[in-house]
Amino acid sequence: MSSEAEIKVKRTESILLELIPEALGQLNDNRLHDLDIVEVKCSRGRSDAKVYIDPASFSESDKNIYLRQLKKASPIVENFCLKDQGWYRCPKLTFEFDKQFARSQNIEELFKKIKKDEE
């Protein structure tokens, strides 16, 4: 059974998962409009949130450029979420590329290769 605090954290994560792409879509930097947010994980007290981005086919240098841009944009995104939800405060957002997503894709590729080798 989930505690009330856990439910609040999950609700906040869900709201941020919807709002962050909307906020990014309103920024002047068009490159940020199409980033795919795969997950948001809030800290227990909801003071911080990690925002995981689909690494897709970004090179390491591209990732660094995007992360720098997102760091600059995070106060604007946080402010957007505050105004939209009428919150007293928004979790401090930290953006990073999702390593799990890439790993799971690599595992799927390996399974496909194994299957092909067996045939």
N, C-alpha and C. Protein backbone atom coordinates (compact mmCIF):
# COMPACT_ATOMS: atom_id res chain seq x y z
N MET A 1 0.84 -1.19 0.00
CA MET A 1 0.00 0.00 0.00
C MET A 1 0.88 1.25 0.00
N SER A 2 0.60 2.19 -0.87
CA SER A 2 1.39 3.41 -0.97
C SER A 2 0.99 4.41 0.11
N SER A 3 2.00 5.07 0.64
CA SER A 3 1.72 6.12 1.62
C SER A 3 1.27 7.38 0.89
N GLU A 4 0.71 8.30 1.64
CA GLU A 4 0.24 9.54 1.04
C GLU A 4 1.40 10.32 0.41
N ALA A 5 2.58 10.30 1.06
CA ALA A 5 3.75 11.00 0.54
C ALA A 5 4.19 10.41 -0.81
N GLU A 6 4.16 9.06 -0.91
CA GLU A 6 4.54 8.40 -2.17
C GLU A 6 3.56 8.76 -3.28
N ILE A 7 2.29 8.83 -2.94
CA ILE A 7 1.27 9.20 -3.93
C ILE A 7 1.51 10.62 -4.43
N LYS A 8 1.84 11.54 -3.51
CA LYS A 8 2.12 12.93 -3.91
C LYS A 8 3.32 13.02 -4.83
N VAL A 9 4.36 12.23 -4.53
CA VAL A 9 5.56 12.22 -5.37
C VAL A 9 5.20 11.71 -6.77
N LYS A 10 4.45 10.60 -6.83
CA LYS A 10 4.05 10.03 -8.13
C LYS A 10 3.19 11.03 -8.93
N ARG A 11 2.29 11.70 -8.24
CA ARG A 11 1.43 12.69 -8.91
C ARG A 11 2.28 13.84 -9.47
N THR A 12 3.24 14.31 -8.68
CA THR A 12 4.12 15.39 -9.13
C THR A 12 4.93 14.94 -10.35
N GLU A 13 5.46 13.71 -10.30
CA GLU A 13 6.23 13.18 -11.43
C GLU A 13 5.37 13.13 -12.69
N SER A 14 4.15 12.68 -12.54
CA SER A 14 3.23 12.57 -13.67
C SER A 14 2.92 13.95 -14.26
N ILE A 15 2.67 14.92 -13.40
CA ILE A 15 2.37 16.28 -13.87
C ILE A 15 3.58 16.86 -14.60
N LEU A 16 4.77 16.69 -14.02
CA LEU A 16 5.99 17.21 -14.65
C LEU A 16 6.26 16.54 -15.99
N LEU A 17 5.96 15.25 -16.08
CA LEU A 17 6.16 14.52 -17.33
C LEU A 17 5.32 15.12 -18.46
N GLU A 18 4.17 15.66 -18.11
CA GLU A 18 3.31 16.32 -19.10
C GLU A 18 3.75 17.76 -19.36
N LEU A 19 4.08 18.48 -18.29
CA LEU A 19 4.35 19.92 -18.41
C LEU A 19 5.71 20.26 -19.03
N ILE A 20 6.74 19.47 -18.72
CA ILE A 20 8.08 19.81 -19.19
C ILE A 20 8.16 19.86 -20.72
N PRO A 21 7.65 18.85 -21.45
CA PRO A 21 7.70 18.96 -22.91
C PRO A 21 6.92 20.17 -23.43
N GLU A 22 5.80 20.49 -22.77
CA GLU A 22 5.00 21.66 -23.15
C GLU A 22 5.82 22.94 -22.95
N ALA A 23 6.52 23.02 -21.82
CA ALA A 23 7.36 24.20 -21.53
C ALA A 23 8.51 24.29 -22.52
N LEU A 24 9.15 23.17 -22.81
CA LEU A 24 10.26 23.17 -23.78
C LEU A 24 9.79 23.60 -25.16
N GLY A 25 8.57 23.23 -25.50
CA GLY A 25 8.00 23.59 -26.80
C GLY A 25 7.75 25.06 -26.97
N GLN A 26 7.71 25.80 -25.88
CA GLN A 26 7.48 27.24 -25.96
C GLN A 26 8.76 28.07 -25.92
N LEU A 27 9.91 27.40 -25.78
CA LEU A 27 11.18 28.11 -25.74
C LEU A 27 11.60 28.55 -27.14
N ASN A 28 12.49 29.52 -27.19
CA ASN A 28 12.97 30.03 -28.48
C ASN A 28 13.91 29.05 -29.19
N ASP A 29 14.56 28.19 -28.43
CA ASP A 29 15.51 27.24 -29.02
C ASP A 29 14.74 26.04 -29.60
N ASN A 30 14.60 26.02 -30.92
CA ASN A 30 13.82 24.97 -31.59
C ASN A 30 14.37 23.58 -31.36
N ARG A 31 15.67 23.47 -31.11
CA ARG A 31 16.27 22.14 -30.89
C ARG A 31 15.67 21.45 -29.67
N LEU A 32 15.23 22.23 -28.69
CA LEU A 32 14.69 21.66 -27.46
C LEU A 32 13.24 21.22 -27.61
N HIS A 33 12.59 21.65 -28.68
CA HIS A 33 11.16 21.34 -28.87
C HIS A 33 10.90 19.85 -29.05
N ASP A 34 11.81 19.14 -29.66
CA ASP A 34 11.56 17.75 -30.02
C ASP A 34 12.20 16.72 -29.10
N LEU A 35 12.77 17.19 -27.98
CA LEU A 35 13.35 16.22 -27.05
C LEU A 35 12.25 15.36 -26.46
N ASP A 36 12.54 14.08 -26.33
CA ASP A 36 11.56 13.13 -25.80
C ASP A 36 11.88 12.85 -24.33
N ILE A 37 11.02 13.33 -23.44
CA ILE A 37 11.19 13.10 -22.01
C ILE A 37 10.60 11.73 -21.69
N VAL A 38 11.45 10.80 -21.20
CA VAL A 38 10.97 9.44 -20.95
C VAL A 38 10.54 9.22 -19.51
N GLU A 39 11.12 9.98 -18.57
CA GLU A 39 10.76 9.76 -17.17
C GLU A 39 11.16 10.97 -16.33
N VAL A 40 10.42 11.18 -15.24
CA VAL A 40 10.77 12.19 -14.25
C VAL A 40 10.78 11.49 -12.90
N LYS A 41 11.87 11.65 -12.16
CA LYS A 41 11.99 11.05 -10.82
C LYS A 41 12.19 12.16 -9.80
N CYS A 42 11.23 12.32 -8.91
CA CYS A 42 11.32 13.33 -7.85
C CYS A 42 11.99 12.76 -6.61
N SER A 43 12.67 13.64 -5.89
CA SER A 43 13.21 13.23 -4.59
C SER A 43 12.04 13.05 -3.64
N ARG A 44 12.29 12.45 -2.53
CA ARG A 44 11.23 12.16 -1.56
C ARG A 44 10.45 13.39 -1.14
N GLY A 45 11.17 14.49 -0.90
CA GLY A 45 10.51 15.72 -0.46
C GLY A 45 10.04 16.60 -1.61
N ARG A 46 10.22 16.11 -2.82
CA ARG A 46 9.82 16.81 -4.05
C ARG A 46 10.54 18.14 -4.23
N SER A 47 11.75 18.27 -3.65
CA SER A 47 12.50 19.51 -3.83
C SER A 47 13.37 19.45 -5.09
N ASP A 48 13.69 18.24 -5.52
CA ASP A 48 14.49 18.04 -6.73
C ASP A 48 13.82 17.00 -7.63
N ALA A 49 14.06 17.14 -8.93
CA ALA A 49 13.54 16.16 -9.87
C ALA A 49 14.56 15.94 -10.98
N LYS A 50 14.83 14.68 -11.28
CA LYS A 50 15.68 14.34 -12.42
C LYS A 50 14.77 14.08 -13.60
N VAL A 51 15.12 14.72 -14.71
CA VAL A 51 14.33 14.58 -15.93
C VAL A 51 15.17 13.78 -16.91
N TYR A 52 14.67 12.59 -17.29
CA TYR A 52 15.42 11.71 -18.17
C TYR A 52 14.94 11.89 -19.62
N ILE A 53 15.92 12.05 -20.50
CA ILE A 53 15.65 12.31 -21.91
C ILE A 53 16.06 11.09 -22.72
N ASP A 54 15.26 10.77 -23.74
CA ASP A 54 15.59 9.69 -24.66
C ASP A 54 16.87 10.07 -25.40
N PRO A 55 17.93 9.26 -25.28
CA PRO A 55 19.19 9.61 -25.94
C PRO A 55 19.14 9.50 -27.46
N ALA A 56 18.11 8.80 -27.98
CA ALA A 56 17.92 8.61 -29.43
C ALA A 56 19.25 8.38 -30.12
N SER A 57 19.57 9.21 -31.08
CA SER A 57 20.83 9.00 -31.82
C SER A 57 21.77 10.19 -31.63
N PHE A 58 21.74 10.79 -30.45
CA PHE A 58 22.61 11.94 -30.18
C PHE A 58 24.04 11.49 -29.94
N SER A 59 24.98 12.23 -30.50
CA SER A 59 26.39 11.98 -30.21
C SER A 59 26.71 12.56 -28.83
N GLU A 60 27.87 12.20 -28.28
CA GLU A 60 28.24 12.72 -26.97
C GLU A 60 28.34 14.25 -26.99
N SER A 61 28.90 14.81 -28.08
CA SER A 61 29.02 16.27 -28.14
C SER A 61 27.65 16.93 -28.23
N ASP A 62 26.72 16.31 -28.98
CA ASP A 62 25.35 16.83 -29.04
C ASP A 62 24.71 16.81 -27.66
N LYS A 63 24.91 15.70 -26.94
CA LYS A 63 24.33 15.57 -25.60
C LYS A 63 24.82 16.69 -24.69
N ASN A 64 26.12 16.98 -24.75
CA ASN A 64 26.67 18.04 -23.91
C ASN A 64 26.08 19.40 -24.26
N ILE A 65 25.90 19.66 -25.55
CA ILE A 65 25.29 20.92 -25.98
C ILE A 65 23.86 21.02 -25.46
N TYR A 66 23.09 19.95 -25.62
CA TYR A 66 21.70 19.94 -25.15
C TYR A 66 21.63 20.14 -23.64
N LEU A 67 22.50 19.44 -22.91
CA LEU A 67 22.47 19.56 -21.45
C LEU A 67 22.81 20.98 -20.99
N ARG A 68 23.73 21.64 -21.69
CA ARG A 68 24.05 23.04 -21.36
C ARG A 68 22.85 23.94 -21.60
N GLN A 69 22.18 23.72 -22.75
CA GLN A 69 20.99 24.52 -23.08
C GLN A 69 19.87 24.28 -22.06
N LEU A 70 19.68 23.03 -21.68
CA LEU A 70 18.63 22.68 -20.73
C LEU A 70 18.92 23.26 -19.35
N LYS A 71 20.20 23.32 -18.99
CA LYS A 71 20.57 23.90 -17.69
C LYS A 71 20.18 25.38 -17.68
N LYS A 72 20.43 26.07 -18.79
CA LYS A 72 20.06 27.49 -18.90
C LYS A 72 18.54 27.65 -18.88
N ALA A 73 17.84 26.71 -19.51
CA ALA A 73 16.38 26.82 -19.65
C ALA A 73 15.62 26.34 -18.41
N SER A 74 16.27 25.60 -17.52
CA SER A 74 15.53 24.99 -16.40
C SER A 74 14.78 26.00 -15.53
N PRO A 75 15.32 27.21 -15.23
CA PRO A 75 14.51 28.15 -14.44
C PRO A 75 13.22 28.56 -15.17
N ILE A 76 13.29 28.68 -16.48
CA ILE A 76 12.11 29.05 -17.28
C ILE A 76 11.09 27.92 -17.24
N VAL A 77 11.57 26.68 -17.36
CA VAL A 77 10.68 25.51 -17.33
C VAL A 77 10.05 25.38 -15.94
N GLU A 78 10.85 25.58 -14.89
CA GLU A 78 10.34 25.51 -13.52
C GLU A 78 9.26 26.57 -13.30
N ASN A 79 9.51 27.78 -13.81
CA ASN A 79 8.55 28.87 -13.67
C ASN A 79 7.25 28.54 -14.41
N PHE A 80 7.37 27.94 -15.59
CA PHE A 80 6.19 27.52 -16.37
C PHE A 80 5.34 26.54 -15.54
N CYS A 81 6.00 25.57 -14.91
CA CYS A 81 5.29 24.57 -14.11
C CYS A 81 4.63 25.21 -12.89
N LEU A 82 5.33 26.15 -12.26
CA LEU A 82 4.78 26.86 -11.11
C LEU A 82 3.48 27.57 -11.48
N LYS A 83 3.56 28.34 -12.57
CA LYS A 83 2.38 29.12 -12.99
C LYS A 83 1.25 28.21 -13.42
N ASP A 84 1.56 27.15 -14.17
CA ASP A 84 0.53 26.26 -14.67
C ASP A 84 -0.22 25.57 -13.54
N GLN A 85 0.51 25.13 -12.52
CA GLN A 85 -0.09 24.35 -11.44
C GLN A 85 -0.48 25.19 -10.23
N GLY A 86 0.00 26.44 -10.19
CA GLY A 86 -0.28 27.28 -9.02
C GLY A 86 0.46 26.78 -7.79
N TRP A 87 1.60 26.09 -8.01
CA TRP A 87 2.38 25.56 -6.90
C TRP A 87 3.07 26.69 -6.16
N TYR A 88 3.39 26.43 -4.89
CA TYR A 88 4.17 27.36 -4.08
C TYR A 88 5.63 27.31 -4.54
N ARG A 89 6.11 26.09 -4.82
CA ARG A 89 7.45 25.93 -5.37
C ARG A 89 7.49 24.70 -6.28
N CYS A 90 8.42 24.75 -7.20
CA CYS A 90 8.57 23.66 -8.17
C CYS A 90 9.87 22.92 -7.83
N PRO A 91 9.91 21.61 -8.04
CA PRO A 91 11.18 20.90 -7.82
C PRO A 91 12.27 21.49 -8.71
N LYS A 92 13.51 21.51 -8.21
CA LYS A 92 14.64 21.96 -9.02
C LYS A 92 14.93 20.86 -10.03
N LEU A 93 14.86 21.22 -11.30
CA LEU A 93 14.99 20.23 -12.37
C LEU A 93 16.44 20.03 -12.78
N THR A 94 16.81 18.77 -12.93
CA THR A 94 18.12 18.40 -13.45
C THR A 94 17.87 17.48 -14.64
N PHE A 95 18.43 17.85 -15.78
CA PHE A 95 18.22 17.06 -17.00
C PHE A 95 19.41 16.13 -17.23
N GLU A 96 19.10 14.90 -17.66
CA GLU A 96 20.16 14.00 -18.08
C GLU A 96 19.61 13.00 -19.10
N PHE A 97 20.52 12.47 -19.90
CA PHE A 97 20.10 11.48 -20.89
C PHE A 97 19.97 10.13 -20.20
N ASP A 98 18.91 9.41 -20.55
CA ASP A 98 18.58 8.14 -19.91
C ASP A 98 19.50 7.03 -20.40
N LYS A 99 20.31 6.51 -19.50
CA LYS A 99 21.24 5.43 -19.86
C LYS A 99 20.52 4.09 -19.91
N GLN A 100 19.49 3.91 -19.09
CA GLN A 100 18.73 2.66 -19.08
C GLN A 100 18.07 2.39 -20.42
N PHE A 101 17.55 3.45 -21.03
CA PHE A 101 16.86 3.33 -22.32
C PHE A 101 17.83 2.77 -23.36
N ALA A 102 19.04 3.30 -23.40
CA ALA A 102 20.04 2.84 -24.36
C ALA A 102 20.42 1.39 -24.09
N ARG A 103 20.56 1.05 -22.80
CA ARG A 103 20.90 -0.33 -22.43
C ARG A 103 19.83 -1.30 -22.88
N SER A 104 18.57 -0.94 -22.64
CA SER A 104 17.49 -1.86 -23.02
C SER A 104 17.43 -2.03 -24.54
N GLN A 105 17.75 -0.95 -25.28
CA GLN A 105 17.77 -1.08 -26.74
C GLN A 105 18.91 -1.98 -27.19
N ASN A 106 20.07 -1.86 -26.52
CA ASN A 106 21.20 -2.72 -26.85
C ASN A 106 20.86 -4.18 -26.58
N ILE A 107 20.18 -4.45 -25.48
CA ILE A 107 19.78 -5.81 -25.13
C ILE A 107 18.83 -6.36 -26.20
N GLU A 108 17.88 -5.52 -26.65
CA GLU A 108 16.95 -5.96 -27.69
C GLU A 108 17.69 -6.28 -28.99
N GLU A 109 18.68 -5.45 -29.31
CA GLU A 109 19.48 -5.70 -30.52
C GLU A 109 20.22 -7.03 -30.40
N LEU A 110 20.75 -7.30 -29.21
CA LEU A 110 21.45 -8.57 -28.99
C LEU A 110 20.50 -9.76 -29.17
N PHE A 111 19.30 -9.65 -28.63
CA PHE A 111 18.31 -10.72 -28.78
C PHE A 111 17.98 -10.96 -30.26
N LYS A 112 17.83 -9.88 -31.00
CA LYS A 112 17.54 -10.01 -32.44
C LYS A 112 18.70 -10.72 -33.15
N LYS A 113 19.92 -10.33 -32.77
CA LYS A 113 21.10 -10.92 -33.40
C LYS A 113 21.19 -12.42 -33.07
N ILE A 114 20.92 -12.76 -31.80
CA ILE A 114 20.95 -14.16 -31.38
C ILE A 114 19.92 -14.96 -32.16
N LYS A 115 18.72 -14.40 -32.28
CA LYS A 115 17.65 -15.08 -32.99
C LYS A 115 18.05 -15.31 -34.46
N LYS A 116 18.66 -14.28 -35.06
CA LYS A 116 19.08 -14.37 -36.45
C LYS A 116 20.18 -15.43 -36.60
N ASP A 117 21.12 -15.48 -35.65
CA ASP A 117 22.20 -16.47 -35.69
C ASP A 117 21.68 -17.90 -35.55
N GLU A 118 20.61 -18.06 -34.77
CA GLU A 118 20.03 -19.39 -34.57
C GLU A 118 19.32 -19.90 -35.82
N GLU A 119 18.83 -18.98 -36.62
CA GLU A 119 18.04 -19.38 -37.80
C GLU A 119 18.86 -19.85 -38.94
